[in-house]
């Protein structure tokens, strides 16, 4: 507190000198920095935004299961799958990528603390002792200065404070704060991506497991067909070529079983890896189950809210703000640094005199640093930050455009998958009718059992295609929510706006 009072008194004493000094400096350096356009154009064309909004409205009219309610933060609960919900909870706690992203936020906060410290007065306590003697052959000794050894005891408090009149440190602090925002949004983007990736693996697994069940039935039918043709060959009503054909079909079905089993194991390992667990550790939890129904209601929010929910868009915006602040800091660095320094303490040749009033010593006054020639360093720093600012602006535009395409692609995939499932369901109905007719004909003795087996296989193949379609539809919903972002980033952005107000 005493040091701050010293600063205030010095500032009051020298205020006229500082005003004159600052005015002269501004006049001298007004031509050194050419103010560039700090805010590049980052707005996407209005007609493009309106077209995207109209496309979404048309899609909503055609698909009533989608509606414009706010995005659910835990969107995977729309599937009502307790195993998926349990996995998502474990993901938030144990995924290494999420933990690294959280630590990067702490890293940025520490960097901001360093800059905030630069804006505050720096105070230190120093103490020193030395025993010295001067050479007898230097000029001051020839003039009569004592060359005998002496002790010097000193202790004092030193303080300094940069006034930051041109906002150099202030802009660095704002850039660091925007960097923290960017790291937070990056963590939110990691969280959204990980949740979507886990759901993608989970639905792939459920689809593969149900396809495996279908394929096992097909394989059993192929084995039955082999037995029938072996009997036919024995009875002379089939040839070796006929038997070889059905045997080849059974081998092919067995290969597909092996491939599906391998894919299931790989997907399970991917899930355990995301959760930071050892391979096979979740096998008991990930046993085969029936497919969960697709959500009947899918909230997707408003098209105009996309820039509020997408963490990567908010991250690009924060990085652009940081780049702008760095440009302004680089411009402020052309101007002089003005500060105040003060020091006071005790200094004596003898330790016995160290505490006396006559041993006191002090110094106080302003400091001035003006960069005149640094080999173009300041101009290069400014050019570097301006280039980074332009890159950040283009990256913002690119991120928004990518978001539109990702949302549109996910909606398109869902639309075509829905059309396919309707056609496949019609095909399955016809297959079941055919199977029923062939079964009745078999009972009447007008066909043999191989025709019924073929009809059953065709029904199973269509069911397998329906399972693949279910997986594709589920993945399109996952991709949609990955593209839309989540409310976590929007809530943090709203909080920042309120704090700035």
Protein backbone atom coordinates (compact mmCIF):
# COMPACT_ATOMS: atom_id res chain seq x y z
CA UNK A 1 0.00 0.00 0.00
CA UNK A 2 2.88 2.37 0.82
CA UNK A 3 4.37 1.73 -2.61
CA UNK A 4 1.04 2.48 -4.31
CA UNK A 5 0.84 5.79 -2.42
CA UNK A 6 4.32 6.62 -3.67
CA UNK A 7 3.18 5.88 -7.25
CA UNK A 8 0.11 8.09 -6.86
CA UNK A 9 2.12 10.98 -5.47
CA UNK A 10 4.69 10.71 -8.25
CA UNK A 11 1.96 10.53 -10.88
CA UNK A 12 0.32 13.64 -9.48
CA UNK A 13 3.68 15.45 -9.28
CA UNK A 14 4.65 14.62 -12.85
CA UNK A 15 1.25 14.67 -14.56
CA UNK A 16 2.06 17.73 -16.64
CA UNK A 17 5.34 16.21 -17.78
CA UNK A 18 3.54 12.96 -18.74
CA UNK A 19 0.88 14.83 -20.71
CA UNK A 20 3.49 16.78 -22.66
CA UNK A 21 5.58 13.68 -23.19
CA UNK A 22 2.59 11.67 -24.40
CA UNK A 23 1.42 14.42 -26.77
CA UNK A 24 4.85 14.79 -28.28
CA UNK A 25 5.15 11.06 -28.74
CA UNK A 26 1.80 10.82 -30.49
CA UNK A 27 2.76 13.58 -32.90
CA UNK A 28 6.10 11.94 -33.58
CA UNK A 29 4.74 8.44 -34.16
CA UNK A 30 1.41 9.17 -35.81
CA UNK A 31 2.82 8.12 -39.15
CA UNK A 32 4.59 4.99 -37.93
CA UNK A 33 1.56 2.75 -37.70
CA UNK A 34 -0.96 2.62 -40.48
CA UNK A 35 -4.32 1.61 -38.99
CA UNK A 36 -5.63 -1.29 -41.03
CA UNK A 37 -9.15 -2.58 -41.17
CA UNK A 38 -9.35 -4.56 -37.94
CA UNK A 39 -12.57 -6.40 -38.60
CA UNK A 40 -12.58 -8.35 -41.86
CA UNK A 41 -15.83 -9.40 -43.37
CA UNK A 42 -16.99 -12.59 -41.64
CA UNK A 43 -20.70 -12.57 -42.42
CA UNK A 44 -22.02 -15.25 -44.71
CA UNK A 45 -24.19 -13.89 -47.50
CA UNK A 46 -27.73 -13.18 -46.34
CA UNK A 47 -29.27 -14.91 -49.35
CA UNK A 48 -27.33 -18.10 -48.53
CA UNK A 49 -28.57 -18.02 -44.94
CA UNK A 50 -32.15 -17.48 -46.08
CA UNK A 51 -31.87 -20.35 -48.57
CA UNK A 52 -30.58 -22.67 -45.85
CA UNK A 53 -33.41 -21.63 -43.54
CA UNK A 54 -35.99 -22.24 -46.28
CA UNK A 55 -34.55 -25.70 -46.99
CA UNK A 56 -34.93 -26.58 -43.33
CA UNK A 57 -38.54 -25.37 -43.30
CA UNK A 58 -39.35 -27.49 -46.35
CA UNK A 59 -37.75 -30.52 -44.70
CA UNK A 60 -39.75 -30.00 -41.50
CA UNK A 61 -43.00 -29.89 -43.47
CA UNK A 62 -42.18 -33.23 -45.13
CA UNK A 63 -40.98 -34.92 -41.92
CA UNK A 64 -43.22 -34.16 -38.92
CA UNK A 65 -41.00 -36.21 -36.58
CA UNK A 66 -38.56 -33.30 -36.70
CA UNK A 67 -39.49 -30.11 -34.86
CA UNK A 68 -37.86 -26.84 -33.82
CA UNK A 69 -37.73 -27.30 -30.07
CA UNK A 70 -34.40 -26.54 -28.37
CA UNK A 71 -31.63 -29.08 -28.75
CA UNK A 72 -31.39 -31.66 -25.96
CA UNK A 73 -27.94 -31.63 -24.37
CA UNK A 74 -28.08 -35.42 -23.86
CA UNK A 75 -29.65 -36.19 -27.23
CA UNK A 76 -28.74 -39.90 -27.05
CA UNK A 77 -31.50 -40.35 -24.46
CA UNK A 78 -33.98 -39.97 -27.33
CA UNK A 79 -33.20 -43.61 -28.17
CA UNK A 80 -34.25 -44.77 -24.66
CA UNK A 81 -31.31 -47.16 -24.52
CA UNK A 82 -29.98 -47.58 -20.94
CA UNK A 83 -26.72 -49.18 -22.09
CA UNK A 84 -25.93 -46.26 -24.40
CA UNK A 85 -26.74 -43.80 -21.60
CA UNK A 86 -24.41 -45.67 -19.24
CA UNK A 87 -21.61 -45.61 -21.80
CA UNK A 88 -22.04 -41.88 -22.38
CA UNK A 89 -21.75 -41.23 -18.64
CA UNK A 90 -18.52 -43.23 -18.48
CA UNK A 91 -17.21 -41.38 -21.53
CA UNK A 92 -17.48 -37.97 -19.85
CA UNK A 93 -15.46 -39.19 -16.88
CA UNK A 94 -12.71 -41.30 -18.39
CA UNK A 95 -12.00 -40.34 -22.00
CA UNK A 96 -8.37 -39.11 -22.36
CA UNK A 97 -9.14 -36.63 -25.17
CA UNK A 98 -11.77 -34.92 -23.04
CA UNK A 99 -9.37 -34.74 -20.09
CA UNK A 100 -6.65 -33.20 -22.28
CA UNK A 101 -9.10 -30.59 -23.60
CA UNK A 102 -10.03 -29.65 -20.01
CA UNK A 103 -6.36 -29.28 -19.09
CA UNK A 104 -5.83 -26.98 -22.09
CA UNK A 105 -8.45 -24.65 -20.60
CA UNK A 106 -6.47 -24.56 -17.35
CA UNK A 107 -3.31 -23.89 -19.36
CA UNK A 108 -4.93 -20.87 -21.05
CA UNK A 109 -6.19 -19.57 -17.72
CA UNK A 110 -2.66 -19.71 -16.32
CA UNK A 111 -1.38 -17.76 -19.35
CA UNK A 112 -4.04 -15.11 -18.72
CA UNK A 113 -2.89 -14.91 -15.09
CA UNK A 114 0.63 -14.10 -16.30
CA UNK A 115 -0.64 -11.21 -18.42
CA UNK A 116 -2.87 -9.91 -15.62
CA UNK A 117 0.19 -9.85 -13.37
CA UNK A 118 1.97 -7.60 -15.89
CA UNK A 119 -0.77 -4.98 -15.44
CA UNK A 120 -0.16 -4.80 -11.69
CA UNK A 121 2.69 -3.06 -9.81
CA UNK A 122 5.70 -5.32 -9.33
CA UNK A 123 7.14 -5.16 -5.80
CA UNK A 124 10.20 -7.01 -4.52
CA UNK A 125 12.38 -7.09 -1.42
CA UNK A 126 16.16 -7.33 -1.93
CA UNK A 127 19.03 -7.66 0.52
CA UNK A 128 22.75 -7.69 -0.22
CA UNK A 129 26.13 -7.81 1.45
CA UNK A 130 29.53 -7.41 -0.21
CA UNK A 131 33.15 -6.79 0.77
CA UNK A 132 35.00 -4.85 -1.91
CA UNK A 133 38.21 -3.02 -2.67
CA UNK A 134 39.26 -0.94 -5.68
CA UNK A 135 42.48 -1.29 -7.62
CA UNK A 136 45.33 1.04 -6.62
CA UNK A 137 46.10 1.64 -10.28
CA UNK A 138 42.82 3.13 -11.47
CA UNK A 139 42.40 6.90 -11.84
CA UNK A 140 40.18 7.39 -8.81
CA UNK A 141 42.84 5.73 -6.59
CA UNK A 142 45.49 8.10 -7.98
CA UNK A 143 43.21 10.99 -7.03
CA UNK A 144 43.12 9.85 -3.43
CA UNK A 145 40.26 7.38 -3.21
CA UNK A 146 40.78 4.75 -0.56
CA UNK A 147 41.80 1.37 -1.83
CA UNK A 148 41.24 -0.41 1.46
CA UNK A 149 38.61 -3.14 1.64
CA UNK A 150 35.19 -2.18 2.94
CA UNK A 151 31.86 -3.81 3.79
CA UNK A 152 28.57 -2.77 2.23
CA UNK A 153 25.22 -3.79 3.69
CA UNK A 154 22.02 -2.98 1.82
CA UNK A 155 18.35 -3.90 1.96
CA UNK A 156 15.35 -2.30 0.32
CA UNK A 157 12.06 -2.54 -1.49
CA UNK A 158 11.85 -2.02 -5.25
CA UNK A 159 8.70 -1.52 -7.27
CA UNK A 160 7.78 -0.79 -10.87
CA UNK A 161 4.56 -0.25 -12.77
CA UNK A 162 3.99 0.07 -16.51
CA UNK A 163 1.16 2.52 -17.12
CA UNK A 164 0.04 0.87 -20.38
CA UNK A 165 -1.21 4.17 -21.79
CA UNK A 166 -1.64 2.79 -25.31
CA UNK A 167 -3.37 -0.45 -24.28
CA UNK A 168 -0.62 -2.92 -25.23
CA UNK A 169 -1.08 -5.09 -22.16
CA UNK A 170 -4.85 -4.59 -22.19
CA UNK A 171 -5.11 -5.99 -25.72
CA UNK A 172 -2.86 -8.91 -24.80
CA UNK A 173 -5.13 -9.63 -21.87
CA UNK A 174 -8.22 -9.51 -24.10
CA UNK A 175 -6.51 -11.82 -26.58
CA UNK A 176 -5.69 -14.26 -23.78
CA UNK A 177 -9.29 -14.17 -22.54
CA UNK A 178 -10.53 -14.89 -26.06
CA UNK A 179 -8.01 -17.73 -26.15
CA UNK A 180 -9.60 -19.20 -23.02
CA UNK A 181 -13.01 -18.95 -24.68
CA UNK A 182 -11.62 -20.74 -27.73
CA UNK A 183 -10.19 -23.53 -25.57
CA UNK A 184 -13.53 -23.94 -23.79
CA UNK A 185 -15.39 -24.20 -27.09
CA UNK A 186 -12.74 -26.64 -28.32
CA UNK A 187 -13.43 -28.79 -25.25
CA UNK A 188 -17.14 -28.60 -26.01
CA UNK A 189 -16.44 -29.63 -29.61
CA UNK A 190 -14.37 -32.56 -28.35
CA UNK A 191 -17.24 -33.51 -26.06
CA UNK A 192 -19.82 -33.33 -28.86
CA UNK A 193 -17.59 -35.28 -31.26
CA UNK A 194 -16.80 -37.97 -28.69
CA UNK A 195 -20.45 -38.42 -27.75
CA UNK A 196 -21.38 -38.73 -31.42
CA UNK A 197 -18.50 -41.11 -32.13
CA UNK A 198 -19.43 -43.33 -29.20
CA UNK A 199 -23.07 -43.42 -30.35
CA UNK A 200 -21.91 -44.21 -33.89
CA UNK A 201 -19.85 -47.18 -32.69
CA UNK A 202 -22.71 -48.33 -30.46
CA UNK A 203 -25.31 -48.33 -33.24
CA UNK A 204 -22.86 -49.97 -35.63
CA UNK A 205 -22.35 -52.69 -33.01
CA UNK A 206 -26.08 -53.26 -32.51
CA UNK A 207 -26.61 -53.45 -36.26
CA UNK A 208 -23.75 -55.89 -36.74
CA UNK A 209 -24.93 -58.09 -33.87
CA UNK A 210 -28.43 -58.36 -35.33
CA UNK A 211 -27.01 -58.97 -38.80
CA UNK A 212 -24.93 -61.77 -37.28
CA UNK A 213 -28.09 -63.39 -35.92
CA UNK A 214 -29.67 -63.23 -39.38
CA UNK A 215 -26.52 -64.56 -41.04
CA UNK A 216 -26.39 -67.52 -38.63
CA UNK A 217 -29.91 -68.48 -39.72
CA UNK A 218 -28.91 -68.19 -43.38
CA UNK A 219 -25.88 -70.40 -42.74
CA UNK A 220 -28.04 -73.05 -41.08
CA UNK A 221 -30.38 -73.01 -44.08
CA UNK A 222 -27.37 -73.48 -46.38
CA UNK A 223 -26.23 -76.47 -44.32
CA UNK A 224 -29.72 -77.93 -44.59
CA UNK A 225 -29.61 -77.40 -48.34
CA UNK A 226 -26.32 -79.34 -48.52
CA UNK A 227 -27.93 -82.27 -46.72
CA UNK A 228 -30.88 -82.23 -49.15
CA UNK A 229 -28.60 -82.26 -52.20
CA UNK A 230 -26.46 -85.00 -50.72
CA UNK A 231 -29.60 -87.14 -50.52
CA UNK A 232 -30.61 -86.10 -54.05
CA UNK A 233 -27.16 -87.04 -55.32
CA UNK A 234 -27.43 -90.39 -53.59
CA UNK A 235 -30.85 -90.93 -55.20
CA UNK A 236 -29.55 -89.85 -58.60
CA UNK A 237 -31.75 -86.74 -58.94
CA UNK A 238 -28.88 -84.22 -58.55
CA UNK A 239 -25.36 -83.88 -59.89
CA UNK A 240 -22.03 -83.19 -58.23
CA UNK A 241 -22.15 -79.71 -59.76
CA UNK A 242 -25.44 -79.03 -57.96
CA UNK A 243 -23.92 -80.14 -54.66
CA UNK A 244 -20.79 -78.05 -55.26
CA UNK A 245 -22.92 -74.97 -55.92
CA UNK A 246 -24.87 -75.18 -52.66
CA UNK A 247 -21.69 -76.07 -50.76
CA UNK A 248 -20.01 -72.95 -52.16
CA UNK A 249 -22.98 -70.89 -50.97
CA UNK A 250 -22.59 -72.33 -47.46
CA UNK A 251 -18.86 -71.53 -47.44
CA UNK A 252 -19.62 -67.98 -48.52
CA UNK A 253 -22.19 -67.66 -45.72
CA UNK A 254 -19.61 -68.95 -43.24
CA UNK A 255 -17.08 -66.35 -44.46
CA UNK A 256 -19.66 -63.62 -43.91
CA UNK A 257 -20.18 -64.94 -40.37
CA UNK A 258 -16.44 -64.67 -39.71
CA UNK A 259 -16.32 -61.15 -41.14
CA UNK A 260 -19.27 -60.01 -39.02
CA UNK A 261 -17.72 -61.53 -35.89
CA UNK A 262 -14.43 -59.76 -36.62
CA UNK A 263 -16.18 -56.42 -37.18
CA UNK A 264 -18.11 -56.84 -33.91
CA UNK A 265 -14.88 -57.46 -31.98
CA UNK A 266 -13.21 -54.42 -33.56
CA UNK A 267 -16.15 -52.13 -32.79
CA UNK A 268 -16.27 -53.37 -29.19
CA UNK A 269 -12.56 -52.61 -28.83
CA UNK A 270 -13.11 -49.12 -30.25
CA UNK A 271 -15.76 -48.48 -27.60
CA UNK A 272 -13.56 -49.71 -24.76
CA UNK A 273 -10.65 -47.62 -26.06
CA UNK A 274 -12.80 -44.48 -26.05
CA UNK A 275 -13.71 -45.18 -22.42
CA UNK A 276 -10.07 -45.69 -21.43
CA UNK A 277 -10.54 -49.41 -20.75
CA UNK A 278 -8.70 -52.57 -21.74
CA UNK A 279 -9.89 -54.68 -24.70
CA UNK A 280 -12.75 -57.11 -23.96
CA UNK A 281 -13.49 -55.32 -20.66
CA UNK A 282 -17.03 -54.39 -21.74
CA UNK A 283 -17.98 -57.63 -23.49
CA UNK A 284 -20.46 -58.57 -20.76
CA UNK A 285 -22.22 -55.21 -21.11
CA UNK A 286 -22.23 -55.25 -24.91
CA UNK A 287 -23.98 -58.56 -25.45
CA UNK A 288 -26.35 -58.76 -28.38
CA UNK A 289 -29.78 -57.15 -27.91
CA UNK A 290 -32.68 -56.29 -30.15
CA UNK A 291 -32.48 -52.99 -31.98
CA UNK A 292 -33.85 -50.00 -30.06
CA UNK A 293 -36.57 -48.07 -31.90
CA UNK A 294 -35.59 -44.88 -33.67
CA UNK A 295 -36.83 -41.68 -31.97
CA UNK A 296 -40.36 -40.72 -32.91
CA UNK A 297 -39.69 -37.03 -32.14
CA UNK A 298 -36.39 -35.36 -33.05
CA UNK A 299 -35.86 -31.75 -31.88
CA UNK A 300 -33.37 -29.87 -34.06
CA UNK A 301 -33.80 -26.23 -33.02
CA UNK A 302 -33.86 -23.28 -35.41
CA UNK A 303 -31.60 -22.87 -38.41
CA UNK A 304 -30.74 -19.37 -37.20
CA UNK A 305 -29.44 -20.85 -33.92
CA UNK A 306 -26.80 -22.95 -35.65
CA UNK A 307 -24.05 -20.37 -35.01
CA UNK A 308 -25.01 -20.32 -31.31
CA UNK A 309 -24.90 -24.08 -30.79
CA UNK A 310 -21.93 -25.22 -32.88
CA UNK A 311 -18.85 -25.20 -30.63
CA UNK A 312 -16.48 -25.04 -33.60
CA UNK A 313 -18.22 -21.91 -34.92
CA UNK A 314 -18.00 -20.28 -31.49
CA UNK A 315 -14.37 -21.39 -31.27
CA UNK A 316 -13.60 -19.83 -34.67
CA UNK A 317 -15.29 -16.63 -33.51
CA UNK A 318 -13.19 -16.57 -30.30
CA UNK A 319 -10.00 -17.19 -32.29
CA UNK A 320 -10.92 -14.30 -34.58
CA UNK A 321 -11.44 -12.03 -31.56
CA UNK A 322 -8.06 -13.10 -30.18
CA UNK A 323 -6.41 -12.36 -33.53
CA UNK A 324 -7.96 -8.87 -33.63
CA UNK A 325 -6.71 -8.12 -30.12
CA UNK A 326 -3.21 -9.30 -31.06
CA UNK A 327 -3.23 -6.95 -34.06
CA UNK A 328 -4.15 -4.03 -31.80
CA UNK A 329 -1.45 -5.06 -29.32
CA UNK A 330 1.11 -5.14 -32.14
CA UNK A 331 0.03 -1.64 -33.18
CA UNK A 332 0.29 -0.37 -29.60
CA UNK A 333 3.81 -1.80 -29.41
CA UNK A 334 4.99 0.96 -31.79
CA UNK A 335 4.34 3.54 -29.09
CA UNK A 336 6.61 4.22 -26.10
CA UNK A 337 6.45 2.34 -22.84
CA UNK A 338 5.98 4.65 -19.87
CA UNK A 339 6.20 3.46 -16.32
CA UNK A 340 7.01 4.43 -12.77
CA UNK A 341 9.74 3.01 -10.57
CA UNK A 342 10.43 3.51 -6.89
CA UNK A 343 12.86 2.02 -4.47
CA UNK A 344 13.73 2.66 -0.85
CA UNK A 345 15.74 0.99 1.86
CA UNK A 346 18.88 1.06 3.97
CA UNK A 347 22.55 1.06 3.03
CA UNK A 348 25.58 1.19 5.34
CA UNK A 349 29.27 0.27 5.53
CA UNK A 350 28.86 -1.10 9.02
CA UNK A 351 26.22 -3.47 10.30
CA UNK A 352 25.90 -1.37 13.47
CA UNK A 353 24.83 1.65 11.37
CA UNK A 354 22.39 -0.38 9.28
CA UNK A 355 19.30 0.57 11.27
CA UNK A 356 20.03 4.29 11.66
CA UNK A 357 17.93 6.98 9.95
CA UNK A 358 20.99 8.32 8.14
CA UNK A 359 21.39 4.96 6.35
CA UNK A 360 18.19 5.40 4.40
CA UNK A 361 18.29 5.70 0.61
CA UNK A 362 15.56 5.99 -2.07
CA UNK A 363 14.93 6.69 -5.74
CA UNK A 364 11.72 7.46 -7.56
CA UNK A 365 10.76 8.58 -11.03
CA UNK A 366 9.23 7.73 -14.42
CA UNK A 367 10.72 5.44 -17.07
CA UNK A 368 10.48 5.91 -20.82
CA UNK A 369 11.24 3.41 -23.57
CA UNK A 370 10.83 4.37 -27.23
CA UNK A 371 11.59 1.80 -29.96
CA UNK A 372 13.47 3.68 -32.70
CA UNK A 373 15.19 0.97 -34.72
CA UNK A 374 14.75 -2.76 -34.23
CA UNK A 375 15.49 -4.01 -37.72
CA UNK A 376 11.83 -4.13 -38.78
CA UNK A 377 10.82 -6.40 -35.90
CA UNK A 378 7.73 -4.38 -34.95
CA UNK A 379 6.49 -4.13 -38.54
CA UNK A 380 7.02 -7.85 -39.06
CA UNK A 381 5.15 -8.64 -35.85
CA UNK A 382 2.25 -6.45 -36.98
CA UNK A 383 2.21 -8.04 -40.45
CA UNK A 384 2.29 -11.51 -38.87
CA UNK A 385 -0.69 -10.77 -36.63
CA UNK A 386 -2.65 -9.15 -39.46
CA UNK A 387 -2.11 -12.27 -41.58
CA UNK A 388 -3.26 -14.48 -38.71
CA UNK A 389 -6.32 -12.27 -38.37
CA UNK A 390 -7.20 -12.78 -42.04
CA UNK A 391 -6.70 -16.53 -41.68
CA UNK A 392 -8.99 -16.54 -38.63
CA UNK A 393 -11.66 -14.63 -40.57
CA UNK A 394 -11.54 -17.07 -43.49
CA UNK A 395 -11.59 -20.00 -41.07
CA UNK A 396 -14.75 -18.57 -39.49
CA UNK A 397 -16.48 -18.41 -42.87
CA UNK A 398 -15.29 -21.92 -43.70
CA UNK A 399 -16.56 -23.30 -40.39
CA UNK A 400 -20.03 -21.81 -40.83
CA UNK A 401 -20.23 -23.13 -44.39
CA UNK A 402 -19.11 -26.59 -43.27
CA UNK A 403 -21.79 -26.57 -40.58
CA UNK A 404 -24.53 -25.88 -43.13
CA UNK A 405 -23.31 -28.71 -45.35
CA UNK A 406 -23.02 -31.18 -42.48
CA UNK A 407 -26.56 -30.47 -41.30
CA UNK A 408 -27.93 -30.68 -44.84
CA UNK A 409 -26.05 -33.93 -45.54
CA UNK A 410 -27.37 -35.52 -42.34
CA UNK A 411 -30.95 -34.52 -43.16
CA UNK A 412 -30.55 -35.79 -46.73
CA UNK A 413 -29.21 -39.14 -45.49
CA UNK A 414 -32.13 -39.50 -43.11
CA UNK A 415 -34.64 -38.64 -45.84
CA UNK A 416 -33.32 -41.26 -48.28
CA UNK A 417 -32.97 -43.89 -45.55
CA UNK A 418 -36.61 -43.34 -44.64
CA UNK A 419 -37.62 -43.82 -48.28
CA UNK A 420 -35.52 -46.99 -48.45
CA UNK A 421 -37.07 -48.46 -45.31
CA UNK A 422 -40.55 -48.03 -46.77
CA UNK A 423 -39.51 -49.86 -49.93
CA UNK A 424 -37.71 -52.57 -47.97
CA UNK A 425 -40.74 -53.07 -45.76
CA UNK A 426 -42.88 -53.57 -48.87
CA UNK A 427 -40.30 -56.03 -50.20
CA UNK A 428 -40.30 -57.91 -46.88
CA UNK A 429 -44.09 -58.19 -46.98
CA UNK A 430 -43.92 -59.70 -50.47
CA UNK A 431 -41.16 -62.09 -49.35
CA UNK A 432 -43.28 -63.26 -46.43
CA UNK A 433 -46.25 -63.80 -48.76
CA UNK A 434 -44.03 -65.83 -51.08
CA UNK A 435 -42.71 -67.86 -48.17
CA UNK A 436 -46.24 -68.57 -46.95
CA UNK A 437 -47.37 -69.70 -50.43
CA UNK A 438 -44.31 -71.94 -50.92
CA UNK A 439 -44.80 -73.46 -47.47
CA UNK A 440 -48.43 -74.27 -48.34
CA UNK A 441 -47.36 -75.76 -51.67
CA UNK A 442 -44.78 -77.86 -49.83
CA UNK A 443 -47.48 -79.23 -47.57
CA UNK A 444 -49.48 -80.11 -50.70
CA UNK A 445 -46.45 -81.80 -52.24
CA UNK A 446 -46.19 -79.55 -55.31
CA UNK A 447 -42.70 -78.19 -54.49
CA UNK A 448 -39.63 -79.55 -52.69
CA UNK A 449 -38.05 -78.19 -49.50
CA UNK A 450 -35.23 -76.34 -51.29
CA UNK A 451 -37.74 -73.85 -52.67
CA UNK A 452 -39.00 -73.11 -49.16
CA UNK A 453 -35.41 -72.71 -47.97
CA UNK A 454 -34.73 -70.24 -50.79
CA UNK A 455 -37.88 -68.29 -49.87
CA UNK A 456 -36.78 -68.17 -46.21
CA UNK A 457 -33.30 -67.01 -47.23
CA UNK A 458 -34.77 -64.22 -49.33
CA UNK A 459 -36.88 -63.09 -46.38
CA UNK A 460 -33.82 -63.14 -44.11
CA UNK A 461 -31.75 -61.19 -46.63
CA UNK A 462 -34.41 -58.49 -46.77
CA UNK A 463 -34.48 -58.41 -42.96
CA UNK A 464 -30.70 -57.97 -43.02
CA UNK A 465 -31.09 -55.03 -45.39
CA UNK A 466 -33.66 -53.53 -43.02
CA UNK A 467 -31.15 -53.83 -40.18
CA UNK A 468 -28.53 -52.08 -42.31
CA UNK A 469 -31.08 -49.38 -43.06
CA UNK A 470 -31.82 -49.03 -39.33
CA UNK A 471 -28.11 -48.55 -38.66
CA UNK A 472 -27.83 -45.98 -41.44
CA UNK A 473 -30.87 -44.07 -40.11
CA UNK A 474 -29.51 -44.10 -36.56
CA UNK A 475 -26.12 -42.91 -37.81
CA UNK A 476 -27.76 -40.08 -39.78
CA UNK A 477 -29.45 -38.89 -36.55
CA UNK A 478 -26.10 -39.10 -34.76
CA UNK A 479 -24.46 -37.12 -37.58
CA UNK A 480 -27.25 -34.56 -37.36
CA UNK A 481 -26.71 -33.92 -33.65
CA UNK A 482 -22.95 -33.82 -34.18
CA UNK A 483 -23.56 -31.15 -36.83
CA UNK A 484 -26.01 -29.17 -34.70
CA UNK A 485 -23.69 -28.99 -31.67
CA UNK A 486 -25.25 -28.75 -28.24
CA UNK A 487 -26.57 -26.35 -25.64
CA UNK A 488 -23.41 -26.48 -23.51
CA UNK A 489 -21.48 -24.11 -25.78
CA UNK A 490 -24.53 -21.87 -26.24
CA UNK A 491 -24.97 -21.50 -22.49
CA UNK A 492 -21.32 -20.50 -22.02
CA UNK A 493 -21.58 -18.01 -24.91
CA UNK A 494 -24.70 -16.47 -23.36
CA UNK A 495 -22.87 -16.17 -20.04
CA UNK A 496 -19.99 -14.32 -21.73
CA UNK A 497 -22.39 -11.86 -23.35
CA UNK A 498 -24.04 -11.16 -19.99
CA UNK A 499 -20.67 -10.58 -18.32
CA UNK A 500 -19.59 -8.10 -21.01
CA UNK A 501 -22.80 -6.14 -20.51
